[in-house]
N, C-alpha and C. Protein backbone atom coordinates (compact mmCIF):
# COMPACT_ATOMS: atom_id res chain seq x y z
N UNK A 1 0.85 -1.17 0.00
CA UNK A 1 0.00 0.00 0.00
C UNK A 1 0.90 1.23 0.00
N UNK A 2 0.63 2.12 -0.88
CA UNK A 2 1.47 3.30 -1.03
C UNK A 2 0.87 4.54 -0.38
N UNK A 3 -0.30 4.41 0.19
CA UNK A 3 -1.00 5.51 0.86
C UNK A 3 -1.21 5.09 2.31
N UNK A 4 -0.94 5.99 3.24
CA UNK A 4 -1.19 5.70 4.65
C UNK A 4 -2.68 5.79 4.94
N UNK A 5 -3.24 4.70 5.38
CA UNK A 5 -4.67 4.61 5.70
C UNK A 5 -4.81 4.64 7.22
N UNK A 6 -5.64 5.53 7.75
CA UNK A 6 -5.84 5.54 9.21
C UNK A 6 -6.35 4.18 9.69
N UNK A 7 -5.90 3.79 10.85
CA UNK A 7 -6.31 2.51 11.42
C UNK A 7 -7.84 2.44 11.51
N UNK A 8 -8.37 1.33 11.06
CA UNK A 8 -9.81 1.10 11.10
C UNK A 8 -10.57 1.67 9.91
N UNK A 9 -9.91 2.45 9.05
CA UNK A 9 -10.59 3.03 7.89
C UNK A 9 -10.62 2.03 6.74
N UNK A 10 -11.68 2.08 5.98
CA UNK A 10 -11.77 1.30 4.75
C UNK A 10 -10.85 1.97 3.72
N UNK A 11 -9.87 1.25 3.17
CA UNK A 11 -8.92 1.88 2.25
C UNK A 11 -9.57 2.57 1.05
N UNK A 12 -10.51 1.90 0.40
CA UNK A 12 -11.16 2.53 -0.75
C UNK A 12 -11.98 3.74 -0.35
N UNK A 13 -12.75 3.61 0.69
CA UNK A 13 -13.56 4.73 1.16
C UNK A 13 -12.70 5.92 1.56
N UNK A 14 -11.59 5.63 2.19
CA UNK A 14 -10.70 6.71 2.61
C UNK A 14 -10.06 7.41 1.40
N UNK A 15 -9.46 6.62 0.52
CA UNK A 15 -8.75 7.21 -0.62
C UNK A 15 -9.72 7.87 -1.59
N UNK A 16 -10.79 7.18 -1.93
CA UNK A 16 -11.73 7.70 -2.93
C UNK A 16 -12.67 8.76 -2.35
N UNK A 17 -12.83 8.81 -1.06
CA UNK A 17 -13.79 9.74 -0.49
C UNK A 17 -13.18 10.81 0.39
N UNK A 18 -12.50 10.39 1.43
CA UNK A 18 -12.00 11.34 2.42
C UNK A 18 -10.72 12.05 2.00
N UNK A 19 -9.81 11.35 1.37
CA UNK A 19 -8.50 11.92 1.07
C UNK A 19 -8.58 13.03 0.02
N UNK A 20 -9.42 12.85 -0.97
CA UNK A 20 -9.59 13.87 -2.02
C UNK A 20 -11.10 14.15 -2.20
N UNK A 21 -11.72 14.82 -1.24
CA UNK A 21 -13.18 14.97 -1.26
C UNK A 21 -13.72 15.77 -2.44
N UNK A 22 -12.89 16.58 -3.08
CA UNK A 22 -13.36 17.33 -4.23
C UNK A 22 -13.35 16.53 -5.52
N UNK A 23 -12.58 15.45 -5.55
CA UNK A 23 -12.43 14.66 -6.76
C UNK A 23 -12.95 13.23 -6.58
N UNK A 24 -12.61 12.60 -5.48
CA UNK A 24 -12.91 11.19 -5.26
C UNK A 24 -14.37 10.81 -5.41
N UNK A 25 -15.29 11.52 -4.74
CA UNK A 25 -16.69 11.15 -4.90
C UNK A 25 -17.21 11.30 -6.33
N UNK A 26 -16.72 12.33 -7.04
CA UNK A 26 -17.13 12.50 -8.44
C UNK A 26 -16.58 11.36 -9.30
N UNK A 27 -15.33 10.97 -9.04
CA UNK A 27 -14.74 9.85 -9.76
C UNK A 27 -15.51 8.56 -9.47
N UNK A 28 -15.87 8.37 -8.21
CA UNK A 28 -16.65 7.20 -7.84
C UNK A 28 -18.02 7.19 -8.52
N UNK A 29 -18.65 8.35 -8.63
CA UNK A 29 -19.95 8.45 -9.30
C UNK A 29 -19.82 8.10 -10.79
N UNK A 30 -18.76 8.58 -11.41
CA UNK A 30 -18.52 8.24 -12.82
C UNK A 30 -18.30 6.74 -12.97
N UNK A 31 -17.47 6.19 -12.11
CA UNK A 31 -17.19 4.76 -12.16
C UNK A 31 -18.47 3.94 -11.99
N UNK A 32 -19.29 4.32 -11.05
CA UNK A 32 -20.55 3.62 -10.82
C UNK A 32 -21.51 3.78 -12.00
N UNK A 33 -21.53 4.96 -12.61
CA UNK A 33 -22.42 5.22 -13.75
C UNK A 33 -22.13 4.27 -14.91
N UNK A 34 -20.88 3.91 -15.09
CA UNK A 34 -20.49 2.99 -16.15
C UNK A 34 -21.24 1.66 -16.00
N UNK A 35 -21.41 1.22 -14.78
CA UNK A 35 -22.10 -0.05 -14.53
C UNK A 35 -23.62 0.11 -14.52
N UNK A 36 -24.10 1.19 -13.97
CA UNK A 36 -25.54 1.37 -13.81
C UNK A 36 -26.26 1.79 -15.08
N UNK A 37 -25.55 2.46 -15.98
CA UNK A 37 -26.24 3.04 -17.14
C UNK A 37 -25.78 2.50 -18.48
N UNK A 38 -24.97 1.47 -18.48
CA UNK A 38 -24.50 0.94 -19.75
C UNK A 38 -25.65 0.33 -20.55
N UNK A 39 -25.54 0.44 -21.85
CA UNK A 39 -26.49 -0.22 -22.75
C UNK A 39 -25.82 -1.37 -23.49
N UNK A 40 -24.53 -1.56 -23.22
CA UNK A 40 -23.77 -2.62 -23.88
C UNK A 40 -24.18 -3.99 -23.34
N UNK A 41 -24.12 -4.99 -24.20
CA UNK A 41 -24.40 -6.35 -23.78
C UNK A 41 -23.35 -6.81 -22.76
N UNK A 42 -23.73 -7.68 -21.86
CA UNK A 42 -22.86 -8.12 -20.78
C UNK A 42 -21.53 -8.68 -21.29
N UNK A 43 -21.56 -9.54 -22.30
CA UNK A 43 -20.32 -10.19 -22.77
C UNK A 43 -19.36 -9.17 -23.38
N UNK A 44 -19.85 -8.24 -24.16
CA UNK A 44 -18.93 -7.25 -24.75
C UNK A 44 -18.42 -6.28 -23.67
N UNK A 45 -19.29 -5.92 -22.75
CA UNK A 45 -18.91 -5.07 -21.63
C UNK A 45 -17.79 -5.73 -20.82
N UNK A 46 -17.99 -7.00 -20.48
CA UNK A 46 -17.01 -7.74 -19.68
C UNK A 46 -15.73 -8.02 -20.46
N UNK A 47 -15.83 -8.27 -21.76
CA UNK A 47 -14.62 -8.50 -22.56
C UNK A 47 -13.74 -7.26 -22.53
N UNK A 48 -14.33 -6.10 -22.70
CA UNK A 48 -13.56 -4.85 -22.67
C UNK A 48 -13.03 -4.58 -21.27
N UNK A 49 -13.88 -4.74 -20.28
CA UNK A 49 -13.48 -4.45 -18.90
C UNK A 49 -12.35 -5.37 -18.45
N UNK A 50 -12.49 -6.65 -18.73
CA UNK A 50 -11.46 -7.61 -18.31
C UNK A 50 -10.16 -7.45 -19.09
N UNK A 51 -10.24 -7.02 -20.35
CA UNK A 51 -9.00 -6.79 -21.09
C UNK A 51 -8.23 -5.62 -20.47
N UNK A 52 -8.95 -4.57 -20.08
CA UNK A 52 -8.31 -3.45 -19.38
C UNK A 52 -7.74 -3.93 -18.05
N UNK A 53 -8.48 -4.77 -17.34
CA UNK A 53 -7.99 -5.31 -16.06
C UNK A 53 -6.70 -6.10 -16.25
N UNK A 54 -6.65 -6.90 -17.31
CA UNK A 54 -5.44 -7.66 -17.58
C UNK A 54 -4.26 -6.73 -17.86
N UNK A 55 -4.49 -5.70 -18.60
CA UNK A 55 -3.43 -4.73 -18.92
C UNK A 55 -3.00 -3.96 -17.68
N UNK A 56 -3.98 -3.51 -16.89
CA UNK A 56 -3.67 -2.76 -15.67
C UNK A 56 -3.07 -3.64 -14.58
N UNK A 57 -3.44 -4.91 -14.55
CA UNK A 57 -3.02 -5.79 -13.47
C UNK A 57 -3.81 -5.57 -12.20
N UNK A 58 -4.97 -4.93 -12.28
CA UNK A 58 -5.77 -4.63 -11.10
C UNK A 58 -6.42 -5.91 -10.57
N UNK A 59 -6.06 -6.27 -9.34
CA UNK A 59 -6.59 -7.48 -8.74
C UNK A 59 -8.09 -7.42 -8.52
N UNK A 60 -8.61 -6.25 -8.13
CA UNK A 60 -10.07 -6.08 -7.99
C UNK A 60 -10.77 -6.42 -9.29
N UNK A 61 -10.30 -5.75 -10.32
CA UNK A 61 -10.96 -5.85 -11.62
C UNK A 61 -10.87 -7.24 -12.21
N UNK A 62 -9.76 -7.92 -11.99
CA UNK A 62 -9.60 -9.28 -12.48
C UNK A 62 -10.51 -10.24 -11.73
N UNK A 63 -10.75 -9.97 -10.47
CA UNK A 63 -11.59 -10.83 -9.64
C UNK A 63 -13.08 -10.57 -9.84
N UNK A 64 -13.43 -9.33 -10.11
CA UNK A 64 -14.83 -8.91 -10.23
C UNK A 64 -15.46 -9.46 -11.50
N UNK A 65 -16.73 -9.87 -11.41
CA UNK A 65 -17.54 -10.20 -12.59
C UNK A 65 -18.83 -9.41 -12.46
N UNK A 66 -19.09 -8.61 -13.46
CA UNK A 66 -20.32 -7.83 -13.48
C UNK A 66 -21.51 -8.78 -13.56
N UNK A 67 -22.52 -8.48 -12.79
CA UNK A 67 -23.73 -9.30 -12.78
C UNK A 67 -24.90 -8.44 -13.22
N UNK A 68 -25.70 -8.98 -14.12
CA UNK A 68 -26.93 -8.32 -14.56
C UNK A 68 -28.08 -9.31 -14.50
N UNK A 69 -29.09 -8.93 -13.76
CA UNK A 69 -30.28 -9.78 -13.65
C UNK A 69 -29.92 -11.22 -13.30
N UNK A 70 -28.95 -11.38 -12.38
CA UNK A 70 -28.53 -12.70 -11.94
C UNK A 70 -27.60 -13.42 -12.90
N UNK A 71 -27.22 -12.78 -13.99
CA UNK A 71 -26.34 -13.40 -14.99
C UNK A 71 -24.93 -12.84 -14.89
N UNK A 72 -23.96 -13.72 -15.06
CA UNK A 72 -22.55 -13.36 -15.17
C UNK A 72 -21.97 -14.11 -16.37
N UNK A 73 -20.82 -13.67 -16.83
CA UNK A 73 -20.15 -14.42 -17.89
C UNK A 73 -19.71 -15.78 -17.35
N UNK A 74 -19.54 -16.70 -18.27
CA UNK A 74 -19.21 -18.07 -17.89
C UNK A 74 -17.80 -18.20 -17.33
N UNK A 75 -17.59 -19.28 -16.60
CA UNK A 75 -16.27 -19.65 -16.10
C UNK A 75 -15.35 -19.78 -17.32
N UNK A 76 -14.16 -19.30 -17.22
CA UNK A 76 -13.22 -19.37 -18.34
C UNK A 76 -13.26 -18.16 -19.25
N UNK A 77 -14.18 -17.24 -19.01
CA UNK A 77 -14.30 -16.04 -19.86
C UNK A 77 -13.02 -15.21 -19.80
N UNK A 78 -12.42 -15.09 -18.62
CA UNK A 78 -11.18 -14.33 -18.47
C UNK A 78 -10.09 -14.88 -19.38
N UNK A 79 -9.98 -16.20 -19.48
CA UNK A 79 -8.99 -16.81 -20.37
C UNK A 79 -9.31 -16.51 -21.83
N UNK A 80 -10.59 -16.54 -22.17
CA UNK A 80 -10.98 -16.21 -23.54
C UNK A 80 -10.62 -14.77 -23.87
N UNK A 81 -10.77 -13.87 -22.91
CA UNK A 81 -10.41 -12.47 -23.13
C UNK A 81 -8.92 -12.35 -23.43
N UNK A 82 -8.09 -13.07 -22.70
CA UNK A 82 -6.65 -13.04 -22.95
C UNK A 82 -6.33 -13.53 -24.36
N UNK A 83 -7.15 -14.44 -24.88
CA UNK A 83 -6.97 -15.01 -26.21
C UNK A 83 -7.98 -14.45 -27.21
N UNK A 84 -8.35 -13.20 -27.05
CA UNK A 84 -9.43 -12.61 -27.86
C UNK A 84 -9.21 -12.74 -29.36
N UNK A 85 -7.98 -12.78 -29.81
CA UNK A 85 -7.70 -12.86 -31.25
C UNK A 85 -8.12 -14.21 -31.84
N UNK A 86 -8.00 -15.28 -31.05
CA UNK A 86 -8.20 -16.63 -31.60
C UNK A 86 -9.33 -17.42 -30.97
N UNK A 87 -9.89 -16.95 -29.87
CA UNK A 87 -10.93 -17.73 -29.20
C UNK A 87 -12.16 -17.89 -30.10
N UNK A 88 -12.81 -19.03 -29.97
CA UNK A 88 -14.07 -19.24 -30.68
C UNK A 88 -15.26 -18.94 -29.76
N UNK A 89 -14.97 -18.40 -28.57
CA UNK A 89 -16.02 -18.10 -27.59
C UNK A 89 -16.68 -16.74 -27.82
N UNK A 90 -16.14 -15.94 -28.76
CA UNK A 90 -16.64 -14.58 -28.94
C UNK A 90 -17.30 -14.39 -30.30
N UNK A 91 -18.37 -13.61 -30.29
CA UNK A 91 -18.93 -13.12 -31.54
C UNK A 91 -18.14 -11.88 -31.96
N UNK A 92 -18.48 -11.30 -33.10
CA UNK A 92 -17.72 -10.18 -33.65
C UNK A 92 -17.72 -8.97 -32.70
N UNK A 93 -18.85 -8.66 -32.10
CA UNK A 93 -18.92 -7.49 -31.21
C UNK A 93 -18.06 -7.69 -29.96
N UNK A 94 -18.09 -8.88 -29.40
CA UNK A 94 -17.31 -9.16 -28.19
C UNK A 94 -15.81 -9.11 -28.51
N UNK A 95 -15.43 -9.69 -29.62
CA UNK A 95 -14.03 -9.66 -30.04
C UNK A 95 -13.57 -8.21 -30.27
N UNK A 96 -14.40 -7.41 -30.93
CA UNK A 96 -14.06 -6.01 -31.17
C UNK A 96 -13.95 -5.23 -29.87
N UNK A 97 -14.79 -5.54 -28.91
CA UNK A 97 -14.72 -4.85 -27.61
C UNK A 97 -13.39 -5.13 -26.94
N UNK A 98 -12.94 -6.38 -26.97
CA UNK A 98 -11.65 -6.73 -26.38
C UNK A 98 -10.51 -6.09 -27.16
N UNK A 99 -10.60 -6.11 -28.48
CA UNK A 99 -9.57 -5.48 -29.30
C UNK A 99 -9.49 -3.98 -29.02
N UNK A 100 -10.65 -3.32 -28.99
CA UNK A 100 -10.67 -1.88 -28.75
C UNK A 100 -10.07 -1.57 -27.37
N UNK A 101 -10.41 -2.36 -26.38
CA UNK A 101 -9.86 -2.14 -25.04
C UNK A 101 -8.34 -2.21 -25.08
N UNK A 102 -7.82 -3.23 -25.71
CA UNK A 102 -6.36 -3.39 -25.77
C UNK A 102 -5.71 -2.24 -26.53
N UNK A 103 -6.26 -1.91 -27.66
CA UNK A 103 -5.65 -0.85 -28.47
C UNK A 103 -5.82 0.51 -27.80
N UNK A 104 -6.94 0.74 -27.16
CA UNK A 104 -7.17 1.99 -26.42
C UNK A 104 -6.12 2.16 -25.33
N UNK A 105 -5.82 1.09 -24.63
CA UNK A 105 -4.89 1.14 -23.50
C UNK A 105 -3.42 1.16 -23.94
N UNK A 106 -3.10 0.48 -25.04
CA UNK A 106 -1.71 0.27 -25.39
C UNK A 106 -1.25 0.92 -26.70
N UNK A 107 -2.19 1.24 -27.58
CA UNK A 107 -1.78 1.69 -28.91
C UNK A 107 -2.81 2.64 -29.53
N UNK A 108 -3.32 3.56 -28.74
CA UNK A 108 -4.41 4.41 -29.20
C UNK A 108 -4.04 5.33 -30.37
N UNK A 109 -2.77 5.59 -30.58
CA UNK A 109 -2.36 6.42 -31.71
C UNK A 109 -2.48 5.69 -33.04
N UNK A 110 -2.65 4.40 -33.00
CA UNK A 110 -2.71 3.61 -34.23
C UNK A 110 -4.07 2.96 -34.45
N UNK A 111 -5.12 3.59 -33.98
CA UNK A 111 -6.47 3.13 -34.32
C UNK A 111 -6.75 3.62 -35.74
N UNK A 112 -6.54 2.73 -36.70
CA UNK A 112 -6.56 3.11 -38.11
C UNK A 112 -7.94 2.95 -38.75
N UNK A 113 -8.02 3.30 -40.01
CA UNK A 113 -9.29 3.22 -40.73
C UNK A 113 -9.82 1.80 -40.83
N UNK A 114 -8.93 0.82 -40.95
CA UNK A 114 -9.38 -0.57 -40.97
C UNK A 114 -10.12 -0.92 -39.67
N UNK A 115 -9.52 -0.52 -38.53
CA UNK A 115 -10.17 -0.79 -37.26
C UNK A 115 -11.52 -0.09 -37.20
N UNK A 116 -11.56 1.20 -37.54
CA UNK A 116 -12.81 1.96 -37.44
C UNK A 116 -13.87 1.44 -38.40
N UNK A 117 -13.47 0.94 -39.55
CA UNK A 117 -14.43 0.34 -40.47
C UNK A 117 -15.07 -0.89 -39.86
N UNK A 118 -14.24 -1.72 -39.23
CA UNK A 118 -14.77 -2.91 -38.56
C UNK A 118 -15.64 -2.52 -37.37
N UNK A 119 -15.19 -1.53 -36.61
CA UNK A 119 -15.93 -1.11 -35.42
C UNK A 119 -17.30 -0.55 -35.80
N UNK A 120 -17.33 0.35 -36.78
CA UNK A 120 -18.61 0.97 -37.16
C UNK A 120 -19.54 0.01 -37.90
N UNK A 121 -19.01 -1.10 -38.38
CA UNK A 121 -19.86 -2.13 -38.99
C UNK A 121 -20.66 -2.88 -37.92
N UNK A 122 -20.20 -2.84 -36.68
CA UNK A 122 -20.84 -3.60 -35.60
C UNK A 122 -21.39 -2.75 -34.46
N UNK A 123 -20.92 -1.53 -34.32
CA UNK A 123 -21.34 -0.64 -33.23
C UNK A 123 -21.82 0.68 -33.79
N UNK A 124 -22.89 1.21 -33.21
CA UNK A 124 -23.36 2.54 -33.55
C UNK A 124 -22.50 3.60 -32.87
N UNK A 125 -22.67 4.84 -33.29
CA UNK A 125 -21.87 5.93 -32.73
C UNK A 125 -22.04 6.07 -31.22
N UNK A 126 -23.27 6.02 -30.74
CA UNK A 126 -23.50 6.15 -29.29
C UNK A 126 -22.84 5.00 -28.54
N UNK A 127 -22.90 3.79 -29.09
CA UNK A 127 -22.25 2.65 -28.44
C UNK A 127 -20.73 2.82 -28.40
N UNK A 128 -20.15 3.36 -29.46
CA UNK A 128 -18.71 3.59 -29.49
C UNK A 128 -18.31 4.61 -28.43
N UNK A 129 -19.08 5.69 -28.32
CA UNK A 129 -18.78 6.70 -27.30
C UNK A 129 -18.94 6.09 -25.91
N UNK A 130 -20.01 5.33 -25.70
CA UNK A 130 -20.23 4.70 -24.40
C UNK A 130 -19.09 3.75 -24.05
N UNK A 131 -18.71 2.89 -24.98
CA UNK A 131 -17.62 1.95 -24.73
C UNK A 131 -16.32 2.70 -24.45
N UNK A 132 -16.08 3.78 -25.16
CA UNK A 132 -14.87 4.57 -24.95
C UNK A 132 -14.86 5.19 -23.56
N UNK A 133 -16.00 5.68 -23.10
CA UNK A 133 -16.08 6.22 -21.74
C UNK A 133 -15.86 5.13 -20.70
N UNK A 134 -16.41 3.96 -20.95
CA UNK A 134 -16.17 2.82 -20.05
C UNK A 134 -14.68 2.50 -19.99
N UNK A 135 -14.05 2.42 -21.15
CA UNK A 135 -12.62 2.11 -21.20
C UNK A 135 -11.81 3.14 -20.43
N UNK A 136 -12.15 4.41 -20.59
CA UNK A 136 -11.44 5.46 -19.87
C UNK A 136 -11.58 5.31 -18.37
N UNK A 137 -12.77 4.98 -17.92
CA UNK A 137 -13.02 4.78 -16.49
C UNK A 137 -12.19 3.62 -15.96
N UNK A 138 -12.26 2.48 -16.65
CA UNK A 138 -11.55 1.30 -16.18
C UNK A 138 -10.04 1.49 -16.24
N UNK A 139 -9.57 2.11 -17.30
CA UNK A 139 -8.13 2.32 -17.42
C UNK A 139 -7.63 3.22 -16.30
N UNK A 140 -8.31 4.34 -16.08
CA UNK A 140 -7.87 5.29 -15.06
C UNK A 140 -8.03 4.74 -13.65
N UNK A 141 -9.18 4.25 -13.31
CA UNK A 141 -9.46 3.89 -11.92
C UNK A 141 -8.87 2.54 -11.54
N UNK A 142 -8.87 1.59 -12.46
CA UNK A 142 -8.22 0.31 -12.19
C UNK A 142 -6.72 0.50 -12.03
N UNK A 143 -6.17 1.36 -12.86
CA UNK A 143 -4.73 1.63 -12.76
C UNK A 143 -4.42 2.39 -11.47
N UNK A 144 -5.25 3.35 -11.11
CA UNK A 144 -5.07 4.07 -9.84
C UNK A 144 -5.06 3.09 -8.68
N UNK A 145 -6.05 2.21 -8.63
CA UNK A 145 -6.14 1.25 -7.53
C UNK A 145 -4.92 0.34 -7.50
N UNK A 146 -4.45 -0.10 -8.67
CA UNK A 146 -3.30 -1.00 -8.70
C UNK A 146 -2.01 -0.26 -8.35
N UNK A 147 -1.78 0.89 -8.94
CA UNK A 147 -0.54 1.63 -8.69
C UNK A 147 -0.41 2.02 -7.23
N UNK A 148 -1.51 2.40 -6.60
CA UNK A 148 -1.47 2.79 -5.19
C UNK A 148 -1.57 1.61 -4.24
N UNK A 149 -1.75 0.41 -4.77
CA UNK A 149 -1.79 -0.79 -3.94
C UNK A 149 -3.13 -1.04 -3.29
N UNK A 150 -4.15 -0.31 -3.70
CA UNK A 150 -5.48 -0.51 -3.10
C UNK A 150 -6.08 -1.86 -3.48
N UNK A 151 -5.73 -2.35 -4.65
CA UNK A 151 -6.32 -3.59 -5.12
C UNK A 151 -5.87 -4.82 -4.34
N UNK A 152 -4.83 -4.67 -3.53
CA UNK A 152 -4.33 -5.83 -2.79
C UNK A 152 -4.66 -5.80 -1.30
N UNK A 153 -5.29 -4.73 -0.81
CA UNK A 153 -5.52 -4.63 0.63
C UNK A 153 -6.97 -4.50 1.04
N UNK A 154 -7.85 -4.37 0.11
CA UNK A 154 -9.24 -4.18 0.54
C UNK A 154 -10.20 -4.88 -0.40
N UNK A 155 -11.40 -5.01 0.06
CA UNK A 155 -12.48 -5.63 -0.70
C UNK A 155 -13.39 -4.51 -1.17
N UNK A 156 -13.76 -4.57 -2.43
CA UNK A 156 -14.69 -3.58 -2.93
C UNK A 156 -15.95 -3.56 -2.09
N UNK A 157 -16.41 -2.37 -1.71
CA UNK A 157 -17.68 -2.32 -0.99
C UNK A 157 -18.79 -3.01 -1.77
N UNK A 158 -18.68 -2.97 -3.09
CA UNK A 158 -19.69 -3.59 -3.92
C UNK A 158 -19.73 -5.10 -3.78
N UNK A 159 -18.64 -5.73 -3.40
CA UNK A 159 -18.69 -7.17 -3.18
C UNK A 159 -19.67 -7.50 -2.06
N UNK A 160 -19.89 -6.53 -1.19
CA UNK A 160 -20.86 -6.72 -0.13
C UNK A 160 -22.27 -6.36 -0.61
N UNK A 161 -22.36 -5.34 -1.51
CA UNK A 161 -23.68 -4.87 -1.92
C UNK A 161 -24.10 -5.34 -3.30
N UNK A 162 -23.15 -5.86 -4.11
CA UNK A 162 -23.51 -6.38 -5.42
C UNK A 162 -23.15 -5.48 -6.57
N UNK A 163 -22.69 -4.25 -6.35
CA UNK A 163 -22.31 -3.35 -7.42
C UNK A 163 -20.91 -2.82 -7.19
N UNK A 164 -20.14 -2.71 -8.27
CA UNK A 164 -18.78 -2.19 -8.10
C UNK A 164 -18.77 -0.71 -7.80
N UNK A 165 -17.81 -0.28 -7.02
CA UNK A 165 -17.64 1.14 -6.72
C UNK A 165 -16.54 1.73 -7.56
N UNK A 166 -15.52 0.97 -7.83
CA UNK A 166 -14.39 1.52 -8.59
C UNK A 166 -13.90 0.53 -9.61
């Protein structure tokens, strides 16, 4: 842990809420909005989210599985995400979501016309903007949690309530 947490304080609550009260709660609200207001299908949402988690190395994000109406992605989905190029477990939209996540995080300067042609063949403009905002949230906040060591010392409050906070 790279941040001193007062004894007895919840690390996430302290860092995201008390330590930076002008920014943390707003960041948390944005992070939560990604889960509460997405229109993306669960598999494509999770493929993108988990690919960012793999890149970030965030233990929270790698462990978390988004649940909608009692449904989660199947066991082994994380492995399929790592093999997004060759897995037969993904349809075109899910594969593109994983590809976009990887390229957004690692090679955003080279999102070329070929990629955008494939992307716009399967996703509408609003979906692309939504997915991009999701990617930004996961990249920033998952990386923040991992870099500061929060992902190894605390349990997401959402694991208790059913919804992710960060």
